[in-house]
Amino acid sequence: MTGVRIDRADGVAVVTLDRPERRNAFTAAMGRALGRAYRDLDADDEIRVIVLTGAAPAFCAGADLSEGVTTFDKPGSATFSAAPVDPPAFALRKPVIAAVNGTRSASA
């Protein structure tokens, strides 16, 4: 499981970070899956916009540090980038909208 879910309807692709048990903490596998999703959706003529969100209860808690000290090791690639997603959302032809969810107050 990559922790990324894609739903398509009416020209809109909703890409969901889907690890709610870890508050959608971001892993390297999620970065690779998100990059593949971005490339595929950007090339799909049926999709007009991409919405990025997180499975409730949170958008993304940040980096998943469960790998310990190797979490931020530089891969052995000559094309290394500090960006966790390739391509980044800003490089796509289609707009990417972040639907950021978070904790609601008890009165909401």
Protein backbone atom coordinates (compact mmCIF):
# COMPACT_ATOMS: atom_id res chain seq x y z
CA MET A 1 0.00 0.00 0.00
CA THR A 2 1.40 3.38 -1.00
CA GLY A 3 -0.80 5.59 1.15
CA VAL A 4 -2.12 7.53 -1.86
CA ARG A 5 -5.66 7.12 -3.22
CA ILE A 6 -6.98 8.63 -6.48
CA ASP A 7 -10.65 9.26 -7.26
CA ARG A 8 -11.79 10.71 -10.60
CA ALA A 9 -15.15 12.24 -11.44
CA ASP A 10 -16.39 14.95 -13.81
CA GLY A 11 -12.92 16.15 -14.82
CA VAL A 12 -11.68 16.41 -11.23
CA ALA A 13 -9.07 14.09 -9.73
CA VAL A 14 -8.99 13.95 -5.95
CA VAL A 15 -5.66 12.65 -4.70
CA THR A 16 -5.85 11.67 -1.04
CA LEU A 17 -2.95 11.07 1.30
CA ASP A 18 -4.39 7.93 2.87
CA ARG A 19 -2.65 6.88 6.08
CA PRO A 20 -5.13 8.18 8.66
CA GLU A 21 -3.74 5.89 11.37
CA ARG A 22 -0.46 7.88 11.07
CA ARG A 23 -2.21 11.21 10.43
CA ASN A 24 -1.02 10.84 6.78
CA ALA A 25 2.65 11.19 7.74
CA PHE A 26 4.57 11.32 4.46
CA THR A 27 6.83 8.43 3.38
CA ALA A 28 9.23 8.00 0.46
CA ALA A 29 6.78 5.51 -1.07
CA MET A 30 4.02 8.12 -0.87
CA GLY A 31 6.31 10.62 -2.61
CA ARG A 32 6.92 8.18 -5.47
CA ALA A 33 3.19 7.35 -5.72
CA LEU A 34 2.23 11.03 -5.68
CA GLY A 35 4.76 11.77 -8.44
CA ARG A 36 3.31 8.95 -10.58
CA ALA A 37 -0.21 10.21 -9.92
CA TYR A 38 0.75 13.76 -10.88
CA ARG A 39 2.36 12.59 -14.15
CA ASP A 40 -0.58 10.35 -15.07
CA LEU A 41 -3.24 12.93 -14.21
CA ASP A 42 -1.38 15.74 -15.96
CA ALA A 43 -1.30 13.64 -19.14
CA ASP A 44 -4.98 12.65 -18.89
CA ASP A 45 -7.05 14.93 -21.15
CA GLU A 46 -10.22 14.07 -19.18
CA ILE A 47 -8.82 15.64 -16.00
CA ARG A 48 -9.07 19.43 -15.72
CA VAL A 49 -7.94 19.93 -12.10
CA ILE A 50 -6.21 17.98 -9.34
CA VAL A 51 -7.24 18.34 -5.70
CA LEU A 52 -4.78 17.13 -3.06
CA THR A 53 -6.20 16.33 0.37
CA GLY A 54 -5.61 14.08 3.36
CA ALA A 55 -7.82 11.37 4.83
CA ALA A 56 -9.48 12.59 8.03
CA PRO A 57 -8.55 13.63 10.64
CA ALA A 58 -5.53 15.52 9.21
CA PHE A 59 -4.01 16.72 5.96
CA CYS A 60 -0.45 15.56 6.66
CA ALA A 61 1.49 15.37 9.92
CA GLY A 62 4.79 15.86 8.07
CA ALA A 63 7.56 13.35 7.38
CA ASP A 64 7.17 9.84 8.76
CA LEU A 65 10.28 9.46 10.90
CA SER A 66 9.75 5.77 11.71
CA GLU A 67 12.73 4.83 9.49
CA GLY A 68 14.98 6.50 12.06
CA VAL A 69 18.25 8.10 11.01
CA THR A 70 17.89 6.94 7.39
CA THR A 71 14.74 9.00 6.84
CA PHE A 72 16.63 11.89 5.28
CA ASP A 73 19.55 10.03 3.71
CA LYS A 74 20.47 11.31 0.26
CA PRO A 75 19.80 8.64 -2.36
CA GLY A 76 22.70 7.62 -4.59
CA SER A 77 21.24 9.41 -7.61
CA ALA A 78 23.01 12.14 -9.58
CA THR A 79 19.62 13.80 -10.14
CA PHE A 80 18.85 14.08 -6.40
CA SER A 81 16.46 16.84 -5.34
CA ALA A 82 15.33 17.73 -1.85
CA ALA A 83 11.74 17.89 -3.17
CA PRO A 84 9.88 14.77 -1.99
CA VAL A 85 7.69 14.59 -5.12
CA ASP A 86 8.84 14.41 -8.75
CA PRO A 87 7.37 16.27 -10.51
CA PRO A 88 6.32 18.88 -7.95
CA ALA A 89 2.77 20.21 -8.19
CA PHE A 90 3.97 23.60 -9.49
CA ALA A 91 5.53 21.93 -12.55
CA LEU A 92 2.24 20.48 -13.80
CA ARG A 93 0.19 22.00 -16.63
CA LYS A 94 -3.03 21.54 -14.66
CA PRO A 95 -3.93 23.41 -11.50
CA VAL A 96 -3.39 21.59 -8.22
CA ILE A 97 -5.56 22.74 -5.33
CA ALA A 98 -4.79 21.74 -1.73
CA ALA A 99 -7.89 20.97 0.34
CA VAL A 100 -6.30 21.14 3.79
CA ASN A 101 -8.33 19.53 6.51
CA GLY A 102 -7.53 19.57 10.21
CA THR A 103 -8.92 19.26 13.68
CA ARG A 104 -12.28 20.86 14.28
CA SER A 105 -13.11 22.51 17.55
CA ALA A 106 -15.87 21.00 19.66
CA SER A 107 -18.14 23.98 18.94
CA ALA A 108 -17.87 23.64 15.14
